[in-house]
Amino acid sequence: MRRRQSSNPYSSRRSATNSSATANYPTLPAASIWLPILGHNLGIRNRKHHELLLLGIITSILAIWFLTPLSDYCAAWILWTVPVQTDVELGRQSIVSLERKYPRVEDRWGVQKIGMELVKSGRNARYNHNHNNFYDSIFENIDEYHWDFGIVHAPNLVNAFALPGGIVRVTDSLLQNLYLSNGEIAALLGHEMGHVLHRHSQRRVIKRRLISTLWEAFVYEDNDDYDESFGEAVAEGLWKSASYLGDLGFSRRDEYQADAAAWDLLSGTYMDNNNVMRRFHPNSVKKLLTKLWDFNGRDASATAGWESTHPGTKERIDALKEKWSKLDSRQKRRFV
């Protein structure tokens, strides 16, 4: 996005006059001006009280930003302008850094095959109109991603990584230590796919540096004679973060969303009430988390990576139990 020519009538005068002319430029009032005015209107005249007022305002803004969904809404709106193809390119850059640290090894667990079954399940989910809009919207652009599931060698690290664009990696230590069934591997991959489809890594980057992201997008210029859109300019800013996307942790809200995506993907492979098919039971998500939680009790150092990037395991187990209990008898009979 090219920097637009300023419409400020003073801008042409800046180069022609000395620095003393800058006093004529319209500026925002400093805190030293507006705080006393605000304080006066509120009946506050003491300078120390003005400082406390400023601290209170800043604290309130930070509380609203970090303790309410506002930051998520802002990040989601910004990401809405960024095409999925950008995620694919971002993932290609990120995987280079990740696999330099944790090299890819042979897939002896059939992770790629199981992952592609889940992609097929997500593809079919787009045409199921019996679910709410949230469920449909998660998978509507699943074919735009370049899905790639694999194993990386990471001694003593029980973890999995979801990179933008559809790249999912699982550590060999996780698979060697947890002895997962195919259903539990599917639950793990479905969870990571949920992070990809929700674009959680990109949201985390944008939320951390919202102001600089917006500013860079509005004034971005790379001198290539091509006018970038706002979304493309945001994408160029995200690419600067490509090297550490694999190390980003997720919020508890992100984790619940990813668990829900895994549940829906596994449900899509199941079918039955006697149309058979029965592949991966959605309760495998709870079983996976239970294994991780139990293993954490035995070897907390190995699962420290998982807990740091995927928080709230115990609470998520309880939420999945509650989700199962709320299914009616007909729905439960489907998952025999």
C-alpha atoms as a PDB file:
ATOM      1  CA  MET A   1       0.000   0.000   0.000  1.00  0.00           C
ATOM      2  CA  ARG A   2       1.625   3.252  -1.074  1.00  0.00           C
ATOM      3  CA  ARG A   3       1.903   6.190   1.231  1.00  0.00           C
ATOM      4  CA  ARG A   4      -0.593   8.738   0.058  1.00  0.00           C
ATOM      5  CA  GLN A   5       0.388  12.339  -0.589  1.00  0.00           C
ATOM      6  CA  SER A   6      -0.523  14.289   2.484  1.00  0.00           C
ATOM      7  CA  SER A   7      -3.453  16.670   2.161  1.00  0.00           C
ATOM      8  CA  ASN A   8      -2.085  18.749   5.061  1.00  0.00           C
ATOM      9  CA  PRO A   9      -1.803  22.346   3.751  1.00  0.00           C
ATOM     10  CA  TYR A  10       1.307  22.791   5.861  1.00  0.00           C
ATOM     11  CA  SER A  11       3.174  19.849   4.338  1.00  0.00           C
ATOM     12  CA  SER A  12       4.583  21.770   1.371  1.00  0.00           C
ATOM     13  CA  ARG A  13       5.834  24.438   3.753  1.00  0.00           C
ATOM     14  CA  ARG A  14       7.925  22.021   5.871  1.00  0.00           C
ATOM     15  CA  SER A  15      10.851  21.704   3.448  1.00  0.00           C
ATOM     16  CA  ALA A  16      10.799  25.371   2.536  1.00  0.00           C
ATOM     17  CA  THR A  17      10.968  26.775   6.066  1.00  0.00           C
ATOM     18  CA  ASN A  18      13.209  26.221   9.013  1.00  0.00           C
ATOM     19  CA  SER A  19      12.347  24.077  11.997  1.00  0.00           C
ATOM     20  CA  SER A  20      10.813  26.979  13.848  1.00  0.00           C
ATOM     21  CA  ALA A  21       7.858  26.713  11.506  1.00  0.00           C
ATOM     22  CA  THR A  22       6.917  23.396  13.029  1.00  0.00           C
ATOM     23  CA  ALA A  23       5.250  25.323  15.789  1.00  0.00           C
ATOM     24  CA  ASN A  24       2.503  26.121  13.309  1.00  0.00           C
ATOM     25  CA  TYR A  25       1.643  22.481  12.672  1.00  0.00           C
ATOM     26  CA  PRO A  26      -1.649  21.223  14.093  1.00  0.00           C
ATOM     27  CA  THR A  27      -0.902  18.659  16.790  1.00  0.00           C
ATOM     28  CA  LEU A  28      -2.862  16.520  19.202  1.00  0.00           C
ATOM     29  CA  PRO A  29      -3.056  18.070  22.667  1.00  0.00           C
ATOM     30  CA  ALA A  30      -0.475  16.642  25.070  1.00  0.00           C
ATOM     31  CA  ALA A  31      -1.537  14.828  28.221  1.00  0.00           C
ATOM     32  CA  SER A  32      -0.288  17.820  30.209  1.00  0.00           C
ATOM     33  CA  ILE A  33      -3.055  19.860  28.552  1.00  0.00           C
ATOM     34  CA  TRP A  34      -6.019  17.528  28.325  1.00  0.00           C
ATOM     35  CA  LEU A  35      -5.552  15.794  31.682  1.00  0.00           C
ATOM     36  CA  PRO A  36      -6.050  18.998  33.725  1.00  0.00           C
ATOM     37  CA  ILE A  37      -9.058  19.844  31.549  1.00  0.00           C
ATOM     38  CA  LEU A  38     -10.535  16.394  32.095  1.00  0.00           C
ATOM     39  CA  GLY A  39      -9.624  16.548  35.772  1.00  0.00           C
ATOM     40  CA  HIS A  40     -11.243  19.969  36.128  1.00  0.00           C
ATOM     41  CA  ASN A  41     -14.458  18.672  34.557  1.00  0.00           C
ATOM     42  CA  LEU A  42     -14.390  15.804  37.028  1.00  0.00           C
ATOM     43  CA  GLY A  43     -13.635  18.101  39.938  1.00  0.00           C
ATOM     44  CA  ILE A  44      -9.987  16.937  40.215  1.00  0.00           C
ATOM     45  CA  ARG A  45      -7.454  19.785  40.629  1.00  0.00           C
ATOM     46  CA  ASN A  46      -4.477  18.196  42.417  1.00  0.00           C
ATOM     47  CA  ARG A  47      -1.538  17.295  40.082  1.00  0.00           C
ATOM     48  CA  LYS A  48      -0.934  13.988  41.825  1.00  0.00           C
ATOM     49  CA  HIS A  49      -4.577  13.140  41.318  1.00  0.00           C
ATOM     50  CA  HIS A  50      -4.136  13.935  37.623  1.00  0.00           C
ATOM     51  CA  GLU A  51      -1.354  11.371  37.453  1.00  0.00           C
ATOM     52  CA  LEU A  52      -3.549   8.823  39.208  1.00  0.00           C
ATOM     53  CA  LEU A  53      -6.311   9.621  36.712  1.00  0.00           C
ATOM     54  CA  LEU A  54      -3.911   8.969  33.825  1.00  0.00           C
ATOM     55  CA  LEU A  55      -2.803   5.700  35.404  1.00  0.00           C
ATOM     56  CA  GLY A  56      -6.436   4.700  35.834  1.00  0.00           C
ATOM     57  CA  ILE A  57      -7.220   5.464  32.191  1.00  0.00           C
ATOM     58  CA  ILE A  58      -4.225   3.454  30.956  1.00  0.00           C
ATOM     59  CA  THR A  59      -5.084   0.562  33.279  1.00  0.00           C
ATOM     60  CA  SER A  60      -8.696   0.566  32.066  1.00  0.00           C
ATOM     61  CA  ILE A  61      -7.632   0.514  28.416  1.00  0.00           C
ATOM     62  CA  LEU A  62      -5.235  -2.385  29.048  1.00  0.00           C
ATOM     63  CA  ALA A  63      -7.883  -4.272  31.017  1.00  0.00           C
ATOM     64  CA  ILE A  64     -10.413  -3.861  28.200  1.00  0.00           C
ATOM     65  CA  TRP A  65      -7.813  -4.980  25.667  1.00  0.00           C
ATOM     66  CA  PHE A  66      -6.568  -8.070  27.508  1.00  0.00           C
ATOM     67  CA  LEU A  67      -9.623  -9.153  29.519  1.00  0.00           C
ATOM     68  CA  THR A  68     -12.374  -8.769  26.921  1.00  0.00           C
ATOM     69  CA  PRO A  69     -12.832 -10.161  23.388  1.00  0.00           C
ATOM     70  CA  LEU A  70     -12.057  -6.729  21.892  1.00  0.00           C
ATOM     71  CA  SER A  71      -8.509  -7.677  20.859  1.00  0.00           C
ATOM     72  CA  ASP A  72      -9.806 -10.868  19.231  1.00  0.00           C
ATOM     73  CA  TYR A  73     -12.397  -8.924  17.236  1.00  0.00           C
ATOM     74  CA  CYS A  74      -9.780  -6.420  16.072  1.00  0.00           C
ATOM     75  CA  ALA A  75      -7.329  -9.154  15.074  1.00  0.00           C
ATOM     76  CA  ALA A  76     -10.085 -11.103  13.300  1.00  0.00           C
ATOM     77  CA  TRP A  77     -11.092  -8.028  11.303  1.00  0.00           C
ATOM     78  CA  ILE A  78      -7.505  -7.382  10.232  1.00  0.00           C
ATOM     79  CA  LEU A  79      -6.995 -11.047   9.263  1.00  0.00           C
ATOM     80  CA  TRP A  80     -10.226 -10.972   7.249  1.00  0.00           C
ATOM     81  CA  THR A  81      -8.384  -8.694   4.803  1.00  0.00           C
ATOM     82  CA  VAL A  82      -5.517 -11.186   4.412  1.00  0.00           C
ATOM     83  CA  PRO A  83      -6.063 -13.992   1.827  1.00  0.00           C
ATOM     84  CA  VAL A  84      -5.442 -17.643   2.754  1.00  0.00           C
ATOM     85  CA  GLN A  85      -2.747 -17.844   0.065  1.00  0.00           C
ATOM     86  CA  THR A  86      -0.720 -15.545   2.301  1.00  0.00           C
ATOM     87  CA  ASP A  87      -0.996 -18.143   5.088  1.00  0.00           C
ATOM     88  CA  VAL A  88       0.434 -20.740   2.711  1.00  0.00           C
ATOM     89  CA  GLU A  89       3.467 -18.584   1.922  1.00  0.00           C
ATOM     90  CA  LEU A  90       3.906 -17.729   5.598  1.00  0.00           C
ATOM     91  CA  GLY A  91       3.846 -21.425   6.497  1.00  0.00           C
ATOM     92  CA  ARG A  92       6.506 -22.209   3.903  1.00  0.00           C
ATOM     93  CA  GLN A  93       8.777 -19.640   5.481  1.00  0.00           C
ATOM     94  CA  SER A  94       8.020 -20.793   9.034  1.00  0.00           C
ATOM     95  CA  ILE A  95       8.673 -24.497   8.399  1.00  0.00           C
ATOM     96  CA  VAL A  96      12.231 -23.768   7.276  1.00  0.00           C
ATOM     97  CA  SER A  97      13.008 -22.321  10.701  1.00  0.00           C
ATOM     98  CA  LEU A  98      11.149 -25.072  12.577  1.00  0.00           C
ATOM     99  CA  GLU A  99      12.756 -27.978  10.717  1.00  0.00           C
ATOM    100  CA  ARG A 100      16.202 -26.423  11.077  1.00  0.00           C
ATOM    101  CA  LYS A 101      15.630 -26.774  14.802  1.00  0.00           C
ATOM    102  CA  TYR A 102      13.679 -30.058  14.695  1.00  0.00           C
ATOM    103  CA  PRO A 103      14.515 -32.072  11.548  1.00  0.00           C
ATOM    104  CA  ARG A 104      11.784 -34.019   9.799  1.00  0.00           C
ATOM    105  CA  VAL A 105      11.949 -37.814  10.158  1.00  0.00           C
ATOM    106  CA  GLU A 106      10.174 -40.811   8.662  1.00  0.00           C
ATOM    107  CA  ASP A 107       6.438 -41.013   9.312  1.00  0.00           C
ATOM    108  CA  ARG A 108       6.104 -44.472  10.923  1.00  0.00           C
ATOM    109  CA  TRP A 109       2.725 -43.660  12.469  1.00  0.00           C
ATOM    110  CA  GLY A 110       0.729 -42.861   9.319  1.00  0.00           C
ATOM    111  CA  VAL A 111       0.264 -39.227  10.338  1.00  0.00           C
ATOM    112  CA  GLN A 112      -0.014 -37.929   6.759  1.00  0.00           C
ATOM    113  CA  LYS A 113      -2.693 -40.512   5.870  1.00  0.00           C
ATOM    114  CA  ILE A 114      -4.762 -39.811   8.995  1.00  0.00           C
ATOM    115  CA  GLY A 115      -4.443 -36.065   8.472  1.00  0.00           C
ATOM    116  CA  MET A 116      -5.731 -36.272   4.903  1.00  0.00           C
ATOM    117  CA  GLU A 117      -8.734 -38.278   6.128  1.00  0.00           C
ATOM    118  CA  LEU A 118      -9.547 -35.361   8.405  1.00  0.00           C
ATOM    119  CA  VAL A 119      -9.178 -32.920   5.518  1.00  0.00           C
ATOM    120  CA  LYS A 120     -11.743 -35.010   3.637  1.00  0.00           C
ATOM    121  CA  SER A 121     -14.017 -34.899   6.694  1.00  0.00           C
ATOM    122  CA  GLY A 122     -13.738 -31.105   6.823  1.00  0.00           C
ATOM    123  CA  ARG A 123     -14.479 -30.922   3.117  1.00  0.00           C
ATOM    124  CA  ASN A 124     -17.669 -32.937   3.604  1.00  0.00           C
ATOM    125  CA  ALA A 125     -18.671 -30.785   6.590  1.00  0.00           C
ATOM    126  CA  ARG A 126     -19.128 -27.781   4.294  1.00  0.00           C
ATOM    127  CA  TYR A 127     -22.140 -29.448   2.776  1.00  0.00           C
ATOM    128  CA  ASN A 128     -23.771 -30.437   6.065  1.00  0.00           C
ATOM    129  CA  HIS A 129     -26.472 -27.860   6.782  1.00  0.00           C
ATOM    130  CA  ASN A 130     -27.580 -29.388  10.079  1.00  0.00           C
ATOM    131  CA  HIS A 131     -24.889 -27.548  12.060  1.00  0.00           C
ATOM    132  CA  ASN A 132     -24.669 -23.947  13.159  1.00  0.00           C
ATOM    133  CA  ASN A 133     -22.863 -21.255  11.171  1.00  0.00           C
ATOM    134  CA  PHE A 134     -19.702 -21.538  13.273  1.00  0.00           C
ATOM    135  CA  TYR A 135     -19.254 -25.181  12.294  1.00  0.00           C
ATOM    136  CA  ASP A 136     -19.831 -24.484   8.598  1.00  0.00           C
ATOM    137  CA  SER A 137     -17.578 -21.433   8.429  1.00  0.00           C
ATOM    138  CA  ILE A 138     -14.577 -23.213   9.936  1.00  0.00           C
ATOM    139  CA  PHE A 139     -14.236 -25.554   6.982  1.00  0.00           C
ATOM    140  CA  GLU A 140     -15.580 -23.511   4.078  1.00  0.00           C
ATOM    141  CA  ASN A 141     -12.117 -22.704   2.671  1.00  0.00           C
ATOM    142  CA  ILE A 142     -10.321 -25.890   3.763  1.00  0.00           C
ATOM    143  CA  ASP A 143      -9.239 -26.654   0.179  1.00  0.00           C
ATOM    144  CA  GLU A 144      -7.349 -23.371  -0.064  1.00  0.00           C
ATOM    145  CA  TYR A 145      -4.818 -24.689   2.450  1.00  0.00           C
ATOM    146  CA  HIS A 146      -1.838 -26.847   1.442  1.00  0.00           C
ATOM    147  CA  TRP A 147      -2.127 -29.580   4.041  1.00  0.00           C
ATOM    148  CA  ASP A 148       1.083 -31.330   5.041  1.00  0.00           C
ATOM    149  CA  PHE A 149       1.338 -33.588   8.103  1.00  0.00           C
ATOM    150  CA  GLY A 150       4.655 -34.939   9.369  1.00  0.00           C
ATOM    151  CA  ILE A 151       6.959 -35.973  12.211  1.00  0.00           C
ATOM    152  CA  VAL A 152       9.957 -34.040  13.537  1.00  0.00           C
ATOM    153  CA  HIS A 153      12.751 -35.284  15.754  1.00  0.00           C
ATOM    154  CA  ALA A 154      12.724 -33.484  19.097  1.00  0.00           C
ATOM    155  CA  PRO A 155      14.257 -35.441  22.013  1.00  0.00           C
ATOM    156  CA  ASN A 156      12.350 -35.007  25.285  1.00  0.00           C
ATOM    157  CA  LEU A 157       9.830 -32.614  23.764  1.00  0.00           C
ATOM    158  CA  VAL A 158       6.195 -33.761  23.812  1.00  0.00           C
ATOM    159  CA  ASN A 159       4.481 -31.263  21.538  1.00  0.00           C
ATOM    160  CA  ALA A 160       2.877 -30.561  18.168  1.00  0.00           C
ATOM    161  CA  PHE A 161       3.067 -27.511  15.915  1.00  0.00           C
ATOM    162  CA  ALA A 162       0.443 -25.852  13.713  1.00  0.00           C
ATOM    163  CA  LEU A 163       1.890 -23.484  11.140  1.00  0.00           C
ATOM    164  CA  PRO A 164      -0.096 -21.175   8.843  1.00  0.00           C
ATOM    165  CA  GLY A 165      -1.269 -22.542   5.534  1.00  0.00           C
ATOM    166  CA  GLY A 166      -1.858 -26.152   6.637  1.00  0.00           C
ATOM    167  CA  ILE A 167       1.511 -27.425   7.931  1.00  0.00           C
ATOM    168  CA  VAL A 168       1.246 -29.651  11.005  1.00  0.00           C
ATOM    169  CA  ARG A 169       4.191 -31.300  12.738  1.00  0.00           C
ATOM    170  CA  VAL A 170       4.198 -33.750  15.657  1.00  0.00           C
ATOM    171  CA  THR A 171       7.310 -34.547  17.678  1.00  0.00           C
ATOM    172  CA  ASP A 172       8.528 -38.144  17.675  1.00  0.00           C
ATOM    173  CA  SER A 173       8.853 -37.916  21.468  1.00  0.00           C
ATOM    174  CA  LEU A 174       5.106 -37.392  21.801  1.00  0.00           C
ATOM    175  CA  LEU A 175       4.285 -40.448  19.695  1.00  0.00           C
ATOM    176  CA  GLN A 176       6.959 -42.614  21.323  1.00  0.00           C
ATOM    177  CA  ASN A 177       5.919 -41.783  24.886  1.00  0.00           C
ATOM    178  CA  LEU A 178       2.129 -41.643  24.686  1.00  0.00           C
ATOM    179  CA  TYR A 179       1.419 -44.756  22.585  1.00  0.00           C
ATOM    180  CA  LEU A 180      -1.529 -43.133  20.838  1.00  0.00           C
ATOM    181  CA  SER A 181      -4.235 -45.031  18.994  1.00  0.00           C
ATOM    182  CA  ASN A 182      -5.129 -43.928  15.474  1.00  0.00           C
ATOM    183  CA  GLY A 183      -8.161 -42.151  16.914  1.00  0.00           C
ATOM    184  CA  GLU A 184      -5.996 -40.226  19.365  1.00  0.00           C
ATOM    185  CA  ILE A 185      -3.530 -39.291  16.607  1.00  0.00           C
ATOM    186  CA  ALA A 186      -6.531 -38.051  14.620  1.00  0.00           C
ATOM    187  CA  ALA A 187      -7.633 -36.009  17.657  1.00  0.00           C
ATOM    188  CA  LEU A 188      -4.160 -34.473  17.906  1.00  0.00           C
ATOM    189  CA  LEU A 189      -4.048 -33.596  14.195  1.00  0.00           C
ATOM    190  CA  GLY A 190      -7.632 -32.313  14.259  1.00  0.00           C
ATOM    191  CA  HIS A 191      -6.743 -30.035  17.154  1.00  0.00           C
ATOM    192  CA  GLU A 192      -3.749 -28.600  15.273  1.00  0.00           C
ATOM    193  CA  MET A 193      -5.901 -28.194  12.156  1.00  0.00           C
ATOM    194  CA  GLY A 194      -8.273 -26.149  14.301  1.00  0.00           C
ATOM    195  CA  HIS A 195      -5.427 -23.769  15.124  1.00  0.00           C
ATOM    196  CA  VAL A 196      -4.603 -23.463  11.416  1.00  0.00           C
ATOM    197  CA  LEU A 197      -8.198 -22.872  10.302  1.00  0.00           C
ATOM    198  CA  HIS A 198      -8.791 -20.299  13.035  1.00  0.00           C
ATOM    199  CA  ARG A 199      -5.478 -18.653  12.092  1.00  0.00           C
ATOM    200  CA  HIS A 200      -4.539 -18.507  15.750  1.00  0.00           C
ATOM    201  CA  SER A 201      -0.795 -17.901  15.236  1.00  0.00           C
ATOM    202  CA  GLN A 202      -1.423 -14.865  13.047  1.00  0.00           C
ATOM    203  CA  ARG A 203      -3.976 -13.526  15.519  1.00  0.00           C
ATOM    204  CA  ARG A 204      -1.455 -13.818  18.341  1.00  0.00           C
ATOM    205  CA  VAL A 205       1.121 -11.832  16.367  1.00  0.00           C
ATOM    206  CA  ILE A 206      -1.391  -9.117  15.462  1.00  0.00           C
ATOM    207  CA  LYS A 207      -2.728  -8.832  19.020  1.00  0.00           C
ATOM    208  CA  ARG A 208       0.808  -8.443  20.378  1.00  0.00           C
ATOM    209  CA  ARG A 209       1.705  -5.656  18.001  1.00  0.00           C
ATOM    210  CA  LEU A 210      -1.619  -4.240  16.840  1.00  0.00           C
ATOM    211  CA  ILE A 211      -0.630  -0.569  16.617  1.00  0.00           C
ATOM    212  CA  SER A 212       2.596  -1.226  14.703  1.00  0.00           C
ATOM    213  CA  THR A 213       0.789  -3.689  12.396  1.00  0.00           C
ATOM    214  CA  LEU A 214      -1.848  -1.114  11.494  1.00  0.00           C
ATOM    215  CA  TRP A 215       0.685   1.684  11.065  1.00  0.00           C
ATOM    216  CA  GLU A 216       2.975  -0.413   8.863  1.00  0.00           C
ATOM    217  CA  ALA A 217       0.015  -1.508   6.746  1.00  0.00           C
ATOM    218  CA  PHE A 218      -1.225   2.048   6.187  1.00  0.00           C
ATOM    219  CA  VAL A 219       2.157   3.585   5.313  1.00  0.00           C
ATOM    220  CA  TYR A 220       3.747   0.491   3.738  1.00  0.00           C
ATOM    221  CA  GLU A 221       5.825   1.117   0.628  1.00  0.00           C
ATOM    222  CA  ASP A 222       8.322  -1.274  -0.979  1.00  0.00           C
ATOM    223  CA  ASN A 223       9.131   0.690  -4.175  1.00  0.00           C
ATOM    224  CA  ASP A 224       8.089  -2.131  -6.538  1.00  0.00           C
ATOM    225  CA  ASP A 225       5.577  -0.017  -8.535  1.00  0.00           C
ATOM    226  CA  TYR A 226       2.739  -2.248  -7.303  1.00  0.00           C
ATOM    227  CA  ASP A 227      -0.029  -0.866  -5.091  1.00  0.00           C
ATOM    228  CA  GLU A 228      -0.502  -3.407  -2.293  1.00  0.00           C
ATOM    229  CA  SER A 229      -3.901  -3.792  -0.672  1.00  0.00           C
ATOM    230  CA  PHE A 230      -4.244  -3.299   3.082  1.00  0.00           C
ATOM    231  CA  GLY A 231      -4.352  -7.088   3.570  1.00  0.00           C
ATOM    232  CA  GLU A 232      -1.196  -7.614   1.509  1.00  0.00           C
ATOM    233  CA  ALA A 233       0.593  -4.970   3.543  1.00  0.00           C
ATOM    234  CA  VAL A 234      -0.482  -6.718   6.776  1.00  0.00           C
ATOM    235  CA  ALA A 235       0.801  -9.987   5.306  1.00  0.00           C
ATOM    236  CA  GLU A 236       4.221  -8.470   4.643  1.00  0.00           C
ATOM    237  CA  GLY A 237       4.322  -7.485   8.303  1.00  0.00           C
ATOM    238  CA  LEU A 238       3.401 -11.039   9.354  1.00  0.00           C
ATOM    239  CA  TRP A 239       6.217 -12.472   7.266  1.00  0.00           C
ATOM    240  CA  LYS A 240       8.664 -10.712   9.574  1.00  0.00           C
ATOM    241  CA  SER A 241       7.371 -13.028  12.317  1.00  0.00           C
ATOM    242  CA  ALA A 242       7.708 -16.234  10.273  1.00  0.00           C
ATOM    243  CA  SER A 243      10.835 -17.460  12.050  1.00  0.00           C
ATOM    244  CA  TYR A 244       9.196 -17.797  15.476  1.00  0.00           C
ATOM    245  CA  LEU A 245       5.565 -18.709  14.654  1.00  0.00           C
ATOM    246  CA  GLY A 246       6.203 -22.340  15.621  1.00  0.00           C
ATOM    247  CA  ASP A 247       7.163 -21.265  19.144  1.00  0.00           C
ATOM    248  CA  LEU A 248       4.073 -19.157  19.822  1.00  0.00           C
ATOM    249  CA  GLY A 249       1.772 -20.261  22.590  1.00  0.00           C
ATOM    250  CA  PHE A 250      -2.012 -20.213  22.350  1.00  0.00           C
ATOM    251  CA  SER A 251      -4.615 -18.808  24.709  1.00  0.00           C
ATOM    252  CA  ARG A 252      -7.165 -20.967  26.501  1.00  0.00           C
ATOM    253  CA  ARG A 253      -9.820 -19.584  24.195  1.00  0.00           C
ATOM    254  CA  ASP A 254      -7.740 -20.759  21.232  1.00  0.00           C
ATOM    255  CA  GLU A 255      -7.442 -24.205  22.808  1.00  0.00           C
ATOM    256  CA  TYR A 256     -11.188 -24.585  23.309  1.00  0.00           C
ATOM    257  CA  GLN A 257     -11.781 -23.570  19.681  1.00  0.00           C
ATOM    258  CA  ALA A 258      -9.185 -26.078  18.449  1.00  0.00           C
ATOM    259  CA  ASP A 259     -10.732 -28.843  20.583  1.00  0.00           C
ATOM    260  CA  ALA A 260     -14.138 -28.057  19.081  1.00  0.00           C
ATOM    261  CA  ALA A 261     -12.694 -28.268  15.567  1.00  0.00           C
ATOM    262  CA  ALA A 262     -11.082 -31.641  16.379  1.00  0.00           C
ATOM    263  CA  TRP A 263     -14.381 -32.941  17.762  1.00  0.00           C
ATOM    264  CA  ASP A 264     -16.233 -31.911  14.596  1.00  0.00           C
ATOM    265  CA  LEU A 265     -13.579 -33.353  12.271  1.00  0.00           C
ATOM    266  CA  LEU A 266     -13.588 -36.704  14.048  1.00  0.00           C
ATOM    267  CA  SER A 267     -17.393 -36.739  14.126  1.00  0.00           C
ATOM    268  CA  GLY A 268     -17.344 -36.265  10.353  1.00  0.00           C
ATOM    269  CA  THR A 269     -15.394 -39.507   9.917  1.00  0.00           C
ATOM    270  CA  TYR A 270     -17.816 -41.552  11.997  1.00  0.00           C
ATOM    271  CA  MET A 271     -21.294 -41.571  10.468  1.00  0.00           C
ATOM    272  CA  ASP A 272     -23.326 -44.590  11.733  1.00  0.00           C
ATOM    273  CA  ASN A 273     -26.779 -45.249  12.809  1.00  0.00           C
ATOM    274  CA  ASN A 274     -26.246 -47.851  10.523  1.00  0.00           C
ATOM    275  CA  ASN A 275     -24.709 -46.245   7.515  1.00  0.00           C
ATOM    276  CA  VAL A 276     -21.527 -47.603   9.119  1.00  0.00           C
ATOM    277  CA  MET A 277     -18.152 -45.979   8.150  1.00  0.00           C
ATOM    278  CA  ARG A 278     -17.059 -45.592  11.837  1.00  0.00           C
ATOM    279  CA  ARG A 279     -13.500 -44.288  11.743  1.00  0.00           C
ATOM    280  CA  PHE A 280     -12.510 -41.912  14.562  1.00  0.00           C
ATOM    281  CA  HIS A 281     -14.677 -41.452  17.655  1.00  0.00           C
ATOM    282  CA  PRO A 282     -14.935 -37.804  18.824  1.00  0.00           C
ATOM    283  CA  ASN A 283     -14.306 -38.918  22.407  1.00  0.00           C
ATOM    284  CA  SER A 284     -10.749 -39.582  21.248  1.00  0.00           C
ATOM    285  CA  VAL A 285     -10.121 -35.867  21.834  1.00  0.00           C
ATOM    286  CA  LYS A 286     -10.808 -36.335  25.548  1.00  0.00           C
ATOM    287  CA  LYS A 287      -8.745 -39.543  25.628  1.00  0.00           C
ATOM    288  CA  LEU A 288      -5.790 -37.753  24.033  1.00  0.00           C
ATOM    289  CA  LEU A 289      -5.880 -34.932  26.568  1.00  0.00           C
ATOM    290  CA  THR A 290      -6.225 -37.432  29.424  1.00  0.00           C
ATOM    291  CA  LYS A 291      -3.079 -39.233  28.250  1.00  0.00           C
ATOM    292  CA  LEU A 292      -1.224 -35.933  28.037  1.00  0.00           C
ATOM    293  CA  TRP A 293      -2.396 -34.950  31.513  1.00  0.00           C
ATOM    294  CA  ASP A 294      -1.423 -38.322  33.013  1.00  0.00           C
ATOM    295  CA  PHE A 295       1.974 -38.216  31.314  1.00  0.00           C
ATOM    296  CA  ASN A 296       2.501 -34.698  32.644  1.00  0.00           C
ATOM    297  CA  GLY A 297       2.139 -36.114  36.153  1.00  0.00           C
ATOM    298  CA  ARG A 298       4.902 -38.634  35.414  1.00  0.00           C
ATOM    299  CA  ASP A 299       7.295 -36.401  33.446  1.00  0.00           C
ATOM    300  CA  ALA A 300       6.455 -32.709  33.710  1.00  0.00           C
ATOM    301  CA  SER A 301       9.713 -31.638  32.039  1.00  0.00           C
ATOM    302  CA  ALA A 302       8.875 -33.501  28.817  1.00  0.00           C
ATOM    303  CA  THR A 303       5.377 -32.011  28.584  1.00  0.00           C
ATOM    304  CA  ALA A 304       6.446 -28.499  29.566  1.00  0.00           C
ATOM    305  CA  GLY A 305       6.468 -27.558  25.884  1.00  0.00           C
ATOM    306  CA  TRP A 306       2.899 -28.762  25.438  1.00  0.00           C
ATOM    307  CA  GLU A 307       1.591 -26.944  28.492  1.00  0.00           C
ATOM    308  CA  SER A 308       3.378 -23.724  27.544  1.00  0.00           C
ATOM    309  CA  THR A 309       1.871 -23.665  24.045  1.00  0.00           C
ATOM    310  CA  HIS A 310      -1.397 -25.556  24.769  1.00  0.00           C
ATOM    311  CA  PRO A 311      -2.594 -24.414  28.224  1.00  0.00           C
ATOM    312  CA  GLY A 312      -5.524 -25.579  30.337  1.00  0.00           C
ATOM    313  CA  THR A 313      -5.409 -29.332  29.637  1.00  0.00           C
ATOM    314  CA  LYS A 314      -7.324 -30.366  32.786  1.00  0.00           C
ATOM    315  CA  GLU A 315     -10.094 -27.790  32.271  1.00  0.00           C
ATOM    316  CA  ARG A 316     -10.443 -28.814  28.623  1.00  0.00           C
ATOM    317  CA  ILE A 317     -10.888 -32.463  29.634  1.00  0.00           C
ATOM    318  CA  ASP A 318     -13.743 -31.421  31.923  1.00  0.00           C
ATOM    319  CA  ALA A 319     -15.297 -29.326  29.121  1.00  0.00           C
ATOM    320  CA  LEU A 320     -15.213 -32.309  26.727  1.00  0.00           C
ATOM    321  CA  LYS A 321     -16.819 -34.559  29.350  1.00  0.00           C
ATOM    322  CA  GLU A 322     -19.578 -31.996  29.725  1.00  0.00           C
ATOM    323  CA  LYS A 323     -19.979 -31.769  25.951  1.00  0.00           C
ATOM    324  CA  TRP A 324     -20.468 -35.527  25.734  1.00  0.00           C
ATOM    325  CA  SER A 325     -22.955 -35.540  28.627  1.00  0.00           C
ATOM    326  CA  LYS A 326     -25.091 -32.930  26.845  1.00  0.00           C
ATOM    327  CA  LEU A 327     -25.617 -35.132  23.778  1.00  0.00           C
ATOM    328  CA  ASP A 328     -29.062 -36.698  23.676  1.00  0.00           C
ATOM    329  CA  SER A 329     -29.471 -40.495  23.612  1.00  0.00           C
ATOM    330  CA  ARG A 330     -29.926 -40.604  19.828  1.00  0.00           C
ATOM    331  CA  GLN A 331     -26.675 -38.725  19.256  1.00  0.00           C
ATOM    332  CA  LYS A 332     -24.805 -40.957  21.700  1.00  0.00           C
ATOM    333  CA  ARG A 333     -26.155 -44.111  20.009  1.00  0.00           C
ATOM    334  CA  ARG A 334     -24.620 -42.863  16.775  1.00  0.00           C
ATOM    335  CA  PHE A 335     -21.179 -43.087  18.365  1.00  0.00           C
ATOM    336  CA  VAL A 336     -21.399 -46.687  19.571  1.00  0.00           C
END
